[in-house]
N, C-alpha and C. Protein backbone atom coordinates (compact mmCIF):
# COMPACT_ATOMS: atom_id res chain seq x y z
N MET A 1 0.81 -1.18 0.25
CA MET A 1 0.16 -0.09 0.01
C MET A 1 0.57 1.19 -0.12
N SER A 2 0.44 2.08 -0.66
CA SER A 2 1.06 3.43 -0.75
C SER A 2 0.98 4.57 0.31
N VAL A 3 1.43 4.76 1.14
CA VAL A 3 1.00 5.79 2.24
C VAL A 3 1.73 7.04 2.16
N ARG A 4 0.92 8.11 2.02
CA ARG A 4 1.38 9.50 2.03
C ARG A 4 1.38 9.85 3.33
N ALA A 5 2.56 10.38 4.00
CA ALA A 5 2.37 11.03 5.19
C ALA A 5 2.16 12.30 4.98
N ALA A 6 1.30 13.21 5.86
CA ALA A 6 1.00 14.23 5.99
C ALA A 6 1.74 15.40 6.60
N GLY A 7 3.35 15.47 5.88
CA GLY A 7 3.84 16.39 6.52
C GLY A 7 4.84 15.86 7.73
N LEU A 8 4.34 14.97 8.30
CA LEU A 8 4.85 14.38 9.51
C LEU A 8 5.16 13.15 9.70
N SER A 9 6.47 12.71 10.37
CA SER A 9 7.01 11.57 10.31
C SER A 9 7.26 11.40 12.04
N LEU A 10 6.50 10.41 12.39
CA LEU A 10 6.42 10.29 13.88
C LEU A 10 7.11 9.06 14.42
N LEU A 11 8.21 9.07 14.89
CA LEU A 11 8.83 7.45 15.51
C LEU A 11 8.73 7.51 16.79
N MET A 12 8.17 6.41 17.37
CA MET A 12 7.66 6.07 18.49
C MET A 12 8.90 5.41 19.44
N ALA A 13 9.62 5.65 20.71
CA ALA A 13 10.77 4.91 21.18
C ALA A 13 10.28 3.58 21.29
N SER A 14 11.44 2.72 21.10
CA SER A 14 10.92 1.66 21.51
C SER A 14 10.86 1.11 22.88
N LEU A 15 10.72 -0.06 23.23
CA LEU A 15 10.09 -0.91 24.29
C LEU A 15 11.45 -1.74 24.28
N CYS A 16 11.63 -2.00 25.69
CA CYS A 16 13.16 -2.90 25.79
C CYS A 16 12.13 -3.79 27.40
N GLY A 17 12.79 -5.11 27.13
CA GLY A 17 12.48 -5.87 27.87
C GLY A 17 13.24 -7.35 27.84
N CYS A 18 13.28 -8.16 29.03
CA CYS A 18 14.18 -9.02 29.05
C CYS A 18 13.49 -10.56 28.27
N ALA A 19 13.88 -10.64 27.29
CA ALA A 19 13.39 -11.95 26.38
C ALA A 19 14.44 -12.38 25.34
N SER A 20 14.45 -13.30 25.25
CA SER A 20 15.44 -14.11 23.93
C SER A 20 14.64 -14.13 22.89
N THR A 21 15.35 -14.22 21.48
CA THR A 21 14.54 -14.70 20.57
C THR A 21 13.56 -14.35 19.88
N PRO A 22 13.01 -12.78 20.12
CA PRO A 22 11.63 -12.75 19.61
C PRO A 22 11.11 -12.66 18.48
N LYS A 23 10.11 -12.61 18.08
CA LYS A 23 9.73 -12.70 16.70
C LYS A 23 9.34 -11.45 16.18
N ARG A 24 10.28 -11.29 14.86
CA ARG A 24 9.92 -10.09 14.30
C ARG A 24 8.62 -10.17 13.37
N THR A 25 7.53 -9.52 13.45
CA THR A 25 6.53 -10.18 12.63
C THR A 25 6.26 -8.59 11.62
N GLN A 26 5.85 -9.33 10.55
CA GLN A 26 5.60 -8.48 9.50
C GLN A 26 4.00 -7.36 9.40
N ALA A 27 4.01 -6.26 9.79
CA ALA A 27 2.42 -5.92 9.75
C ALA A 27 2.11 -6.15 8.26
N ALA A 28 0.72 -6.38 8.43
CA ALA A 28 -0.32 -6.51 7.13
C ALA A 28 -0.76 -5.28 6.77
N ASP A 29 -1.15 -4.80 5.80
CA ASP A 29 -1.52 -3.52 5.16
C ASP A 29 -3.08 -4.12 5.17
N VAL A 30 -3.68 -2.38 5.84
CA VAL A 30 -5.21 -2.66 5.90
C VAL A 30 -5.72 -1.70 5.12
N ALA A 31 -6.56 -1.95 3.90
CA ALA A 31 -7.07 -0.82 3.15
C ALA A 31 -8.35 -0.11 3.69
N VAL A 32 -8.27 0.53 2.93
CA VAL A 32 -9.76 1.85 3.37
C VAL A 32 -10.58 1.19 2.29
N PRO A 33 -12.22 1.20 3.15
CA PRO A 33 -13.33 0.19 2.39
C PRO A 33 -13.44 1.15 1.48
N SER A 34 -13.83 0.44 0.23
CA SER A 34 -14.31 1.00 -0.89
C SER A 34 -15.50 1.53 -1.21
N THR A 35 -16.12 2.23 -2.04
CA THR A 35 -17.37 2.41 -2.33
C THR A 35 -17.79 2.25 -3.78
N ALA A 36 -18.66 2.01 -4.38
CA ALA A 36 -18.98 2.05 -5.93
C ALA A 36 -19.53 3.01 -6.23
N ALA A 37 -19.73 3.20 -7.72
CA ALA A 37 -19.56 4.23 -8.25
C ALA A 37 -21.15 5.24 -8.38
N VAL A 38 -22.11 4.52 -8.36
CA VAL A 38 -23.29 4.80 -8.01
C VAL A 38 -23.42 5.24 -6.67
N GLU A 39 -23.02 4.82 -5.59
CA GLU A 39 -22.93 4.88 -3.90
C GLU A 39 -22.32 6.40 -4.33
N THR A 40 -21.04 6.36 -4.61
CA THR A 40 -19.95 7.74 -4.43
C THR A 40 -21.20 8.74 -4.99
N ARG A 41 -21.79 8.72 -6.38
CA ARG A 41 -22.40 9.86 -6.95
C ARG A 41 -23.54 10.26 -5.69
N THR A 42 -24.16 9.18 -4.97
CA THR A 42 -25.14 9.87 -4.05
C THR A 42 -24.42 10.50 -2.95
N LEU A 43 -23.44 10.04 -2.48
CA LEU A 43 -22.80 10.80 -1.29
C LEU A 43 -22.17 12.00 -1.62
N ILE A 44 -21.42 12.36 -3.14
CA ILE A 44 -21.28 13.92 -3.54
C ILE A 44 -22.59 14.40 -3.26
N GLN A 45 -23.62 14.42 -3.77
CA GLN A 45 -24.82 14.98 -3.30
C GLN A 45 -24.77 15.17 -2.17
N GLY A 46 -24.97 14.05 -1.30
CA GLY A 46 -24.99 14.71 0.22
C GLY A 46 -24.28 15.41 1.03
N LEU A 47 -23.18 15.52 0.29
CA LEU A 47 -22.22 17.05 0.52
C LEU A 47 -22.62 18.20 0.55
N SER A 48 -23.91 18.47 -0.54
CA SER A 48 -24.62 19.79 -0.54
C SER A 48 -25.77 19.86 0.13
N SER A 49 -26.02 19.07 1.39
CA SER A 49 -27.21 19.09 2.01
C SER A 49 -26.95 20.19 3.10
N LYS A 50 -28.19 20.58 3.42
CA LYS A 50 -28.25 21.87 4.59
C LYS A 50 -27.96 21.27 6.04
N ASP A 51 -28.19 20.09 5.80
CA ASP A 51 -28.20 19.19 7.09
C ASP A 51 -26.80 18.80 7.11
N PRO A 52 -26.08 19.45 8.11
CA PRO A 52 -25.03 19.18 8.90
C PRO A 52 -24.18 17.50 8.89
N GLU A 53 -25.37 16.80 9.73
CA GLU A 53 -25.10 15.51 9.80
C GLU A 53 -24.96 14.61 8.73
N ILE A 54 -25.85 15.02 7.45
CA ILE A 54 -25.88 14.81 6.26
C ILE A 54 -24.20 14.78 5.52
N ARG A 55 -24.14 16.03 5.37
CA ARG A 55 -22.90 16.58 4.98
C ARG A 55 -21.81 15.56 5.74
N ARG A 56 -21.61 15.65 7.13
CA ARG A 56 -20.69 14.79 7.80
C ARG A 56 -20.48 13.11 7.18
N ARG A 57 -21.81 12.60 7.18
CA ARG A 57 -21.85 11.11 6.89
C ARG A 57 -20.96 11.25 5.45
N SER A 58 -21.66 11.46 4.44
CA SER A 58 -21.41 11.59 3.24
C SER A 58 -19.92 11.76 3.31
N ALA A 59 -19.28 12.81 3.70
CA ALA A 59 -17.83 12.90 3.50
C ALA A 59 -17.05 11.80 4.34
N TRP A 60 -17.31 11.62 5.16
CA TRP A 60 -16.52 10.01 5.85
C TRP A 60 -16.46 8.87 4.73
N ASP A 61 -17.57 8.58 4.18
CA ASP A 61 -17.91 7.45 3.43
C ASP A 61 -17.02 7.76 1.72
N LEU A 62 -17.34 9.15 1.93
CA LEU A 62 -16.18 9.17 0.38
C LEU A 62 -14.87 8.89 0.47
N ALA A 63 -14.45 8.51 1.77
CA ALA A 63 -13.00 8.30 2.11
C ALA A 63 -12.52 7.05 1.34
N GLY A 64 -13.61 6.17 0.88
CA GLY A 64 -13.18 4.86 0.18
C GLY A 64 -13.82 4.63 -1.25
N ALA A 65 -14.00 5.99 -1.89
CA ALA A 65 -14.08 5.98 -3.09
C ALA A 65 -13.26 5.71 -3.98
N THR A 66 -13.75 4.84 -5.05
CA THR A 66 -12.75 4.68 -6.09
C THR A 66 -13.21 4.74 -7.41
N GLU A 67 -14.37 5.56 -7.61
CA GLU A 67 -14.94 6.17 -9.20
C GLU A 67 -15.09 7.69 -8.52
N LEU A 68 -15.44 8.20 -9.56
CA LEU A 68 -15.46 9.84 -9.31
C LEU A 68 -14.65 10.47 -8.70
N GLN A 69 -13.27 10.18 -8.52
CA GLN A 69 -12.60 10.92 -7.32
C GLN A 69 -12.22 12.02 -7.83
N GLY A 70 -12.14 12.44 -8.79
CA GLY A 70 -11.80 14.11 -9.53
C GLY A 70 -13.10 14.99 -8.49
N GLU A 71 -14.42 14.25 -9.03
CA GLU A 71 -15.66 15.31 -8.88
C GLU A 71 -15.76 15.08 -7.27
N ALA A 72 -15.59 14.14 -6.79
CA ALA A 72 -15.44 13.87 -5.25
C ALA A 72 -14.45 14.90 -4.67
N ARG A 73 -13.41 15.07 -4.62
CA ARG A 73 -12.27 16.02 -4.43
C ARG A 73 -12.77 17.85 -4.62
N HIS A 74 -13.50 17.83 -5.92
CA HIS A 74 -14.06 19.45 -5.88
C HIS A 74 -14.97 19.30 -5.03
N ALA A 75 -15.83 18.40 -4.63
CA ALA A 75 -17.18 18.79 -3.83
C ALA A 75 -16.59 18.68 -2.60
N LEU A 76 -15.33 17.89 -1.76
CA LEU A 76 -14.98 17.98 -0.48
C LEU A 76 -14.09 19.43 -0.29
N GLU A 77 -13.52 19.61 -1.16
CA GLU A 77 -12.78 20.71 -0.86
C GLU A 77 -13.30 21.98 0.19
N PRO A 78 -14.57 22.42 -0.52
CA PRO A 78 -15.14 23.83 0.24
C PRO A 78 -15.60 23.67 1.59
N LEU A 79 -15.76 22.09 1.89
CA LEU A 79 -16.32 21.45 3.68
C LEU A 79 -14.99 21.69 4.39
N GLN A 80 -13.63 22.04 3.68
CA GLN A 80 -12.85 21.86 4.72
C GLN A 80 -12.91 23.07 5.36
N THR A 81 -13.70 24.39 4.84
CA THR A 81 -13.95 25.49 5.76
C THR A 81 -15.23 25.34 6.20
N ASP A 82 -16.20 24.56 6.39
CA ASP A 82 -17.29 24.43 6.70
C ASP A 82 -17.56 24.77 8.32
N GLY A 83 -18.67 25.56 8.44
CA GLY A 83 -19.17 25.91 9.84
C GLY A 83 -19.36 24.99 10.95
N GLN A 84 -19.31 23.56 10.45
CA GLN A 84 -19.48 22.80 11.54
C GLN A 84 -17.94 21.70 11.64
N LYS A 85 -17.73 21.81 12.53
CA LYS A 85 -16.20 21.14 12.66
C LYS A 85 -16.06 19.37 12.47
N SER A 86 -17.39 18.92 13.01
CA SER A 86 -17.19 17.52 12.51
C SER A 86 -17.41 17.60 10.80
N VAL A 87 -17.94 18.24 10.09
CA VAL A 87 -17.89 18.28 8.83
C VAL A 87 -16.33 18.50 8.38
N ARG A 88 -15.76 19.91 8.82
CA ARG A 88 -14.57 19.68 8.44
C ARG A 88 -13.62 18.57 8.46
N TYR A 89 -13.75 18.17 9.53
CA TYR A 89 -12.80 16.79 10.08
C TYR A 89 -12.98 15.54 9.08
N ALA A 90 -14.30 15.72 8.71
CA ALA A 90 -14.62 14.62 7.63
C ALA A 90 -14.15 14.76 6.30
N ALA A 91 -14.52 15.90 5.77
CA ALA A 91 -13.60 16.71 4.67
C ALA A 91 -11.86 16.24 4.55
N VAL A 92 -11.56 16.36 5.44
CA VAL A 92 -10.11 16.56 5.68
C VAL A 92 -9.65 14.70 5.26
N TRP A 93 -10.06 14.01 6.54
CA TRP A 93 -10.09 12.51 6.19
C TRP A 93 -10.22 12.27 4.88
N ALA A 94 -11.15 12.42 4.46
CA ALA A 94 -11.80 11.94 2.94
C ALA A 94 -10.75 12.33 1.95
N LEU A 95 -10.63 13.72 1.73
CA LEU A 95 -9.46 14.10 0.88
C LEU A 95 -8.08 13.27 0.81
N SER A 96 -7.84 13.00 2.13
CA SER A 96 -6.34 12.55 2.21
C SER A 96 -6.58 10.85 1.83
N HIS A 97 -7.73 10.43 1.61
CA HIS A 97 -7.50 9.03 0.74
C HIS A 97 -7.70 9.05 -0.50
N LEU A 98 -8.38 10.18 -1.11
CA LEU A 98 -8.55 10.25 -2.57
C LEU A 98 -7.29 10.05 -3.21
N SER A 99 -6.92 9.22 -4.37
CA SER A 99 -6.29 9.50 -5.42
C SER A 99 -6.14 10.92 -6.15
N ARG A 100 -4.80 11.13 -6.34
CA ARG A 100 -4.44 12.27 -7.18
C ARG A 100 -4.15 12.49 -8.30
N GLY A 101 -4.20 13.27 -9.22
CA GLY A 101 -3.78 13.40 -10.34
C GLY A 101 -2.19 13.72 -10.27
N LYS A 102 -1.47 13.47 -11.08
CA LYS A 102 0.46 13.39 -11.00
C LYS A 102 0.38 15.20 -10.68
N ASP A 103 -0.18 16.19 -11.41
CA ASP A 103 -0.27 17.76 -10.91
C ASP A 103 -0.79 18.22 -9.70
N GLU A 104 -1.70 17.46 -9.12
CA GLU A 104 -2.35 17.83 -8.32
C GLU A 104 -1.66 17.97 -6.47
N PRO A 105 -1.78 18.71 -5.92
CA PRO A 105 -1.20 19.25 -4.58
C PRO A 105 -1.85 18.01 -3.69
N ASP A 106 -1.07 17.59 -2.45
CA ASP A 106 -1.78 16.95 -1.45
C ASP A 106 -2.18 17.84 -0.51
N PRO A 107 -3.92 17.48 -0.53
CA PRO A 107 -4.79 17.82 0.46
C PRO A 107 -4.47 18.23 1.85
N ALA A 108 -3.53 17.40 2.39
CA ALA A 108 -2.84 17.35 3.37
C ALA A 108 -2.22 18.46 3.85
N GLU A 109 -1.14 19.07 2.81
CA GLU A 109 -0.38 20.03 2.77
C GLU A 109 -0.43 21.50 2.03
N PRO A 110 -1.94 21.79 2.24
CA PRO A 110 -1.92 22.77 1.63
C PRO A 110 -1.55 24.12 1.31
N LYS A 111 -0.40 24.10 1.61
CA LYS A 111 0.35 25.48 1.54
C LYS A 111 0.41 25.94 -0.06
N THR A 112 0.42 24.96 -1.00
CA THR A 112 0.60 25.59 -2.32
C THR A 112 -0.56 26.34 -2.50
N ALA A 113 -2.08 26.22 -2.11
CA ALA A 113 -3.34 27.23 -2.28
C ALA A 113 -3.50 27.87 -1.09
N ALA A 114 -3.02 27.62 0.25
CA ALA A 114 -3.63 28.28 1.14
C ALA A 114 -2.66 28.96 1.96
N GLY A 115 -1.38 29.09 1.70
CA GLY A 115 -0.40 30.13 2.34
C GLY A 115 0.92 29.09 3.27
N ASP A 116 1.24 29.78 4.03
CA ASP A 116 2.15 29.05 4.91
C ASP A 116 1.93 27.92 5.57
N TRP A 117 2.53 26.85 5.60
CA TRP A 117 1.68 25.42 6.31
C TRP A 117 3.00 25.16 6.93
N THR A 118 2.53 24.67 8.22
CA THR A 118 3.46 24.18 9.30
C THR A 118 2.79 22.55 9.60
N PRO A 119 3.38 21.67 10.00
CA PRO A 119 2.90 20.23 10.38
C PRO A 119 2.51 20.11 11.76
N PRO A 120 1.73 19.36 11.87
CA PRO A 120 1.45 18.92 13.63
C PRO A 120 2.68 18.31 14.11
N LYS A 121 2.79 18.81 15.76
CA LYS A 121 3.95 18.20 16.38
C LYS A 121 3.55 17.51 17.69
N PRO A 122 3.82 16.18 17.80
CA PRO A 122 3.67 15.64 19.08
C PRO A 122 3.75 16.68 20.46
N ILE A 123 3.23 16.83 21.70
CA ILE A 123 3.24 17.52 22.59
C ILE A 123 3.12 16.56 23.68
N GLU A 124 2.75 15.51 23.27
CA GLU A 124 2.50 14.26 24.61
C GLU A 124 2.27 13.12 24.01
N SER A 125 3.23 12.19 23.86
CA SER A 125 3.40 11.00 23.31
C SER A 125 3.77 9.71 24.23
N PRO A 126 2.76 9.24 24.78
CA PRO A 126 3.17 8.50 26.06
C PRO A 126 3.52 6.97 25.30
N ARG A 127 4.19 6.31 26.06
CA ARG A 127 4.60 4.94 25.41
C ARG A 127 3.23 4.08 25.23
N PRO A 128 3.34 2.80 24.30
CA PRO A 128 2.57 1.77 24.78
C PRO A 128 2.73 0.89 25.74
N GLU A 129 1.62 0.37 26.18
CA GLU A 129 2.07 -0.80 27.23
C GLU A 129 1.77 -2.17 26.38
N TYR A 130 3.01 -3.02 26.46
CA TYR A 130 3.52 -4.24 25.66
C TYR A 130 2.28 -5.01 25.99
N PRO A 131 1.54 -5.93 25.47
CA PRO A 131 0.34 -6.99 25.73
C PRO A 131 1.07 -8.08 26.45
N PRO A 132 0.76 -8.36 27.54
CA PRO A 132 1.62 -9.57 28.13
C PRO A 132 1.56 -11.01 27.43
N GLU A 133 0.35 -10.99 26.44
CA GLU A 133 0.45 -12.34 25.52
C GLU A 133 1.25 -12.21 24.42
N ALA A 134 1.40 -10.84 24.05
CA ALA A 134 2.71 -10.91 23.08
C ALA A 134 3.75 -10.88 23.41
N ARG A 135 4.16 -10.43 24.91
CA ARG A 135 5.30 -10.28 25.26
C ARG A 135 5.52 -11.91 25.66
N ALA A 136 4.95 -12.65 26.16
CA ALA A 136 5.42 -14.02 26.67
C ALA A 136 5.30 -14.73 25.24
N THR A 137 5.23 -14.18 24.04
CA THR A 137 4.74 -15.18 22.80
C THR A 137 5.96 -14.63 21.71
N LYS A 138 6.93 -13.76 22.79
CA LYS A 138 7.83 -13.02 21.78
C LYS A 138 7.46 -12.30 20.61
N VAL A 139 6.41 -12.06 20.62
CA VAL A 139 6.12 -10.86 19.12
C VAL A 139 6.54 -9.35 19.18
N GLN A 140 7.05 -9.21 18.14
CA GLN A 140 7.37 -7.68 18.31
C GLN A 140 7.35 -7.08 16.70
N GLY A 141 7.53 -5.64 16.79
CA GLY A 141 7.03 -5.10 15.34
C GLY A 141 6.59 -3.65 15.27
N THR A 142 6.04 -3.22 13.66
CA THR A 142 5.59 -1.96 14.23
C THR A 142 4.53 -2.10 13.73
N VAL A 143 3.05 -1.40 14.53
CA VAL A 143 2.04 -1.33 13.87
C VAL A 143 1.97 0.61 13.49
N LEU A 144 1.47 0.63 12.20
CA LEU A 144 1.20 2.04 11.68
C LEU A 144 -0.22 2.41 11.77
N VAL A 145 -0.34 3.27 12.75
CA VAL A 145 -1.85 4.20 12.65
C VAL A 145 -1.69 5.60 11.72
N GLU A 146 -2.89 5.29 11.28
CA GLU A 146 -3.37 6.91 10.88
C GLU A 146 -4.04 7.66 11.73
N VAL A 147 -3.35 8.85 11.62
CA VAL A 147 -4.44 9.82 12.72
C VAL A 147 -4.99 10.76 12.03
N LEU A 148 -6.04 11.24 12.53
CA LEU A 148 -6.51 12.72 12.22
C LEU A 148 -6.52 13.48 13.36
N VAL A 149 -5.22 14.43 13.14
CA VAL A 149 -5.12 15.35 14.17
C VAL A 149 -5.81 16.54 13.95
N GLY A 150 -6.94 16.88 15.10
CA GLY A 150 -7.79 17.98 15.27
C GLY A 150 -6.91 19.54 15.23
N GLU A 151 -7.98 20.32 15.15
CA GLU A 151 -7.56 21.70 15.09
C GLU A 151 -7.42 21.95 16.72
N GLU A 152 -7.33 21.49 17.48
CA GLU A 152 -7.13 22.04 18.86
C GLU A 152 -5.58 20.62 19.33
N GLY A 153 -5.24 19.98 18.48
CA GLY A 153 -4.34 19.18 18.50
C GLY A 153 -4.92 17.60 19.00
N GLU A 154 -5.72 17.42 18.97
CA GLU A 154 -6.64 16.25 19.79
C GLU A 154 -6.57 15.07 18.54
N VAL A 155 -6.27 13.75 18.84
CA VAL A 155 -6.55 12.89 18.26
C VAL A 155 -8.31 12.50 18.08
N ALA A 156 -8.66 12.98 16.75
CA ALA A 156 -10.12 13.03 16.96
C ALA A 156 -10.47 11.86 16.02
N HIS A 157 -9.68 10.95 15.12
CA HIS A 157 -10.04 9.88 14.76
C HIS A 157 -8.84 8.95 14.52
N LEU A 158 -8.81 7.81 14.08
CA LEU A 158 -7.70 6.91 13.77
C LEU A 158 -8.20 5.43 13.28
N ALA A 159 -7.12 5.14 12.98
CA ALA A 159 -7.32 3.68 11.76
C ALA A 159 -5.70 3.03 11.76
N ILE A 160 -5.91 1.94 12.06
CA ILE A 160 -5.19 1.04 11.67
C ILE A 160 -4.61 0.79 10.25
N ARG A 161 -2.99 1.27 10.06
CA ARG A 161 -3.09 0.95 8.59
C ARG A 161 -2.00 -0.01 8.15
N GLN A 162 -1.18 -0.67 8.98
CA GLN A 162 -0.52 -1.87 9.06
C GLN A 162 -0.26 -2.34 10.29
N SER A 163 -0.86 -3.53 10.10
CA SER A 163 -1.44 -4.45 11.42
C SER A 163 -0.92 -5.74 11.98
N ILE A 164 -0.33 -5.84 13.12
CA ILE A 164 -0.07 -6.76 13.67
C ILE A 164 -0.85 -7.20 14.82
N PRO A 165 -2.08 -8.19 14.30
CA PRO A 165 -3.06 -8.07 15.46
C PRO A 165 -3.18 -8.20 16.78
N SER A 166 -1.89 -9.08 17.38
CA SER A 166 -1.95 -9.16 18.70
C SER A 166 -1.27 -7.60 19.36
N LEU A 167 -0.95 -6.88 18.70
CA LEU A 167 -0.48 -5.78 18.84
C LEU A 167 -1.33 -4.32 18.65
N ASP A 168 -2.04 -4.69 17.74
CA ASP A 168 -2.99 -3.29 16.99
C ASP A 168 -3.64 -2.63 18.63
N ALA A 169 -4.75 -3.53 19.71
CA ALA A 169 -5.24 -2.68 20.37
C ALA A 169 -4.32 -1.88 21.32
N ALA A 170 -3.24 -2.39 21.79
CA ALA A 170 -2.37 -1.41 22.21
C ALA A 170 -1.78 -0.62 21.32
N ALA A 171 -1.69 -0.44 20.53
CA ALA A 171 -1.33 0.92 19.53
C ALA A 171 -2.36 1.50 19.49
N VAL A 172 -3.47 1.56 19.18
CA VAL A 172 -4.27 2.50 19.31
C VAL A 172 -4.77 3.03 20.57
N THR A 173 -4.86 2.33 21.70
CA THR A 173 -4.82 2.74 23.05
C THR A 173 -3.65 3.88 23.04
N CYS A 174 -2.57 3.71 22.63
CA CYS A 174 -1.47 4.58 22.77
C CYS A 174 -1.64 5.74 22.45
N VAL A 175 -1.98 5.60 20.91
CA VAL A 175 -1.90 6.52 19.82
C VAL A 175 -3.17 7.64 20.64
N SER A 176 -4.12 7.11 20.58
CA SER A 176 -5.50 7.90 21.27
C SER A 176 -5.32 8.45 22.28
N ARG A 177 -4.06 8.67 23.25
CA ARG A 177 -3.70 9.77 24.18
C ARG A 177 -2.93 10.55 23.78
N TRP A 178 -2.32 10.57 22.86
CA TRP A 178 -1.52 11.04 22.18
C TRP A 178 -1.88 13.21 21.95
N LYS A 179 -1.06 13.93 22.18
CA LYS A 179 -1.69 15.09 21.99
C LYS A 179 -0.58 15.97 21.11
N PHE A 180 -0.98 16.93 20.27
CA PHE A 180 0.08 17.50 18.98
C PHE A 180 -0.46 19.18 19.61
N ASP A 181 0.62 19.63 18.84
CA ASP A 181 0.47 21.34 18.59
C ASP A 181 0.06 21.16 16.92
N PRO A 182 -1.54 21.34 16.72
CA PRO A 182 -1.89 21.33 15.52
C PRO A 182 -1.21 21.65 14.14
N ALA A 183 -1.24 21.21 12.91
CA ALA A 183 -1.52 21.81 12.11
C ALA A 183 -1.55 23.35 11.82
N ARG A 184 -1.14 24.12 11.13
CA ARG A 184 -1.12 25.45 10.89
C ARG A 184 -1.04 25.96 9.30
N VAL A 185 -2.32 26.90 8.91
CA VAL A 185 -1.81 27.36 7.57
C VAL A 185 -1.84 28.85 8.31
N ASP A 186 -0.89 29.52 7.65
CA ASP A 186 -0.90 31.01 8.37
C ASP A 186 -1.22 31.05 9.48
N GLY A 187 -0.68 30.35 10.28
CA GLY A 187 -0.75 30.53 11.89
C GLY A 187 -2.06 30.10 12.62
N VAL A 188 -3.04 29.64 11.31
CA VAL A 188 -4.43 29.14 11.84
C VAL A 188 -4.48 27.70 12.13
N PRO A 189 -5.15 27.09 12.96
CA PRO A 189 -4.79 25.89 13.68
C PRO A 189 -5.82 25.21 12.09
N ARG A 190 -5.45 23.67 11.56
CA ARG A 190 -5.99 23.10 10.79
C ARG A 190 -5.89 21.75 11.13
N ALA A 191 -6.92 20.87 10.88
CA ALA A 191 -6.54 19.47 11.14
C ALA A 191 -6.42 18.65 9.90
N THR A 192 -5.32 17.87 9.96
CA THR A 192 -5.16 17.19 8.92
C THR A 192 -4.48 15.96 9.36
N VAL A 193 -4.03 14.90 8.47
CA VAL A 193 -3.91 13.21 8.54
C VAL A 193 -2.50 12.85 8.79
N ALA A 194 -2.02 12.54 9.85
CA ALA A 194 -0.87 11.77 9.91
C ALA A 194 -0.52 10.43 10.11
N TYR A 195 0.58 9.82 10.22
CA TYR A 195 0.80 8.29 10.53
C TYR A 195 1.88 8.34 11.55
N VAL A 196 1.57 7.40 12.47
CA VAL A 196 2.27 7.37 13.58
C VAL A 196 2.60 6.05 13.65
N PRO A 197 3.84 5.23 13.50
CA PRO A 197 4.48 4.02 13.29
C PRO A 197 4.85 3.51 14.84
N VAL A 198 3.77 2.97 15.80
CA VAL A 198 3.83 2.24 16.90
C VAL A 198 5.16 1.05 17.31
N ALA A 199 6.10 1.42 17.51
CA ALA A 199 7.08 0.39 17.42
C ALA A 199 7.15 -0.87 19.07
N PHE A 200 7.03 -1.84 18.66
CA PHE A 200 7.11 -2.64 20.06
C PHE A 200 8.57 -3.88 20.00
N ARG A 201 9.31 -3.62 20.90
CA ARG A 201 10.65 -4.33 20.79
C ARG A 201 10.87 -4.93 22.10
N ILE A 202 11.19 -5.99 21.74
CA ILE A 202 11.89 -6.57 22.92
C ILE A 202 13.25 -7.00 22.86
N ASP A 203 13.78 -6.49 23.75
CA ASP A 203 15.66 -6.49 23.92
C ASP A 203 16.05 -7.62 24.71
């Protein structure tokens, strides 16, 4: 899977323990659920609804669109400044998952269209707790977590993008507690998507 980092590369400190011959587990990619063309058309129409809940739901569901992506991007972009925060967040998440043409800017880095861009930076990044069963069976590796960093630096949404099943829950619990200095455009906080690799190591 091709992963576009949103101007941010975060590395988690490795965990240490007293065990021998640990198993280095290769994480498996987790795809974003897709939507069909007919459904995509309906979702695009929902973006113009007067009901913010319909706009929000439609935007979230467009994250998996594989058809009409250009039209979806065009309809989603104005929602990044919607009056409802939940709609803005859904639009940012969806835009980060739609494929782009070779000459199109990355929507997660709006500096080309919206001014001076600075990425989010972690200010609280607690370490994960090693699951006892995974430690006992000497499973180690890195789980990749995709994070929607909100305008106040909160983790507004997250999803596993590279999975090690026995470590996934611990990675999600860990990253959900992270706090960030949010991304900013011309000094104004902006929601964005970032990728956090959570490393589990037994030394």
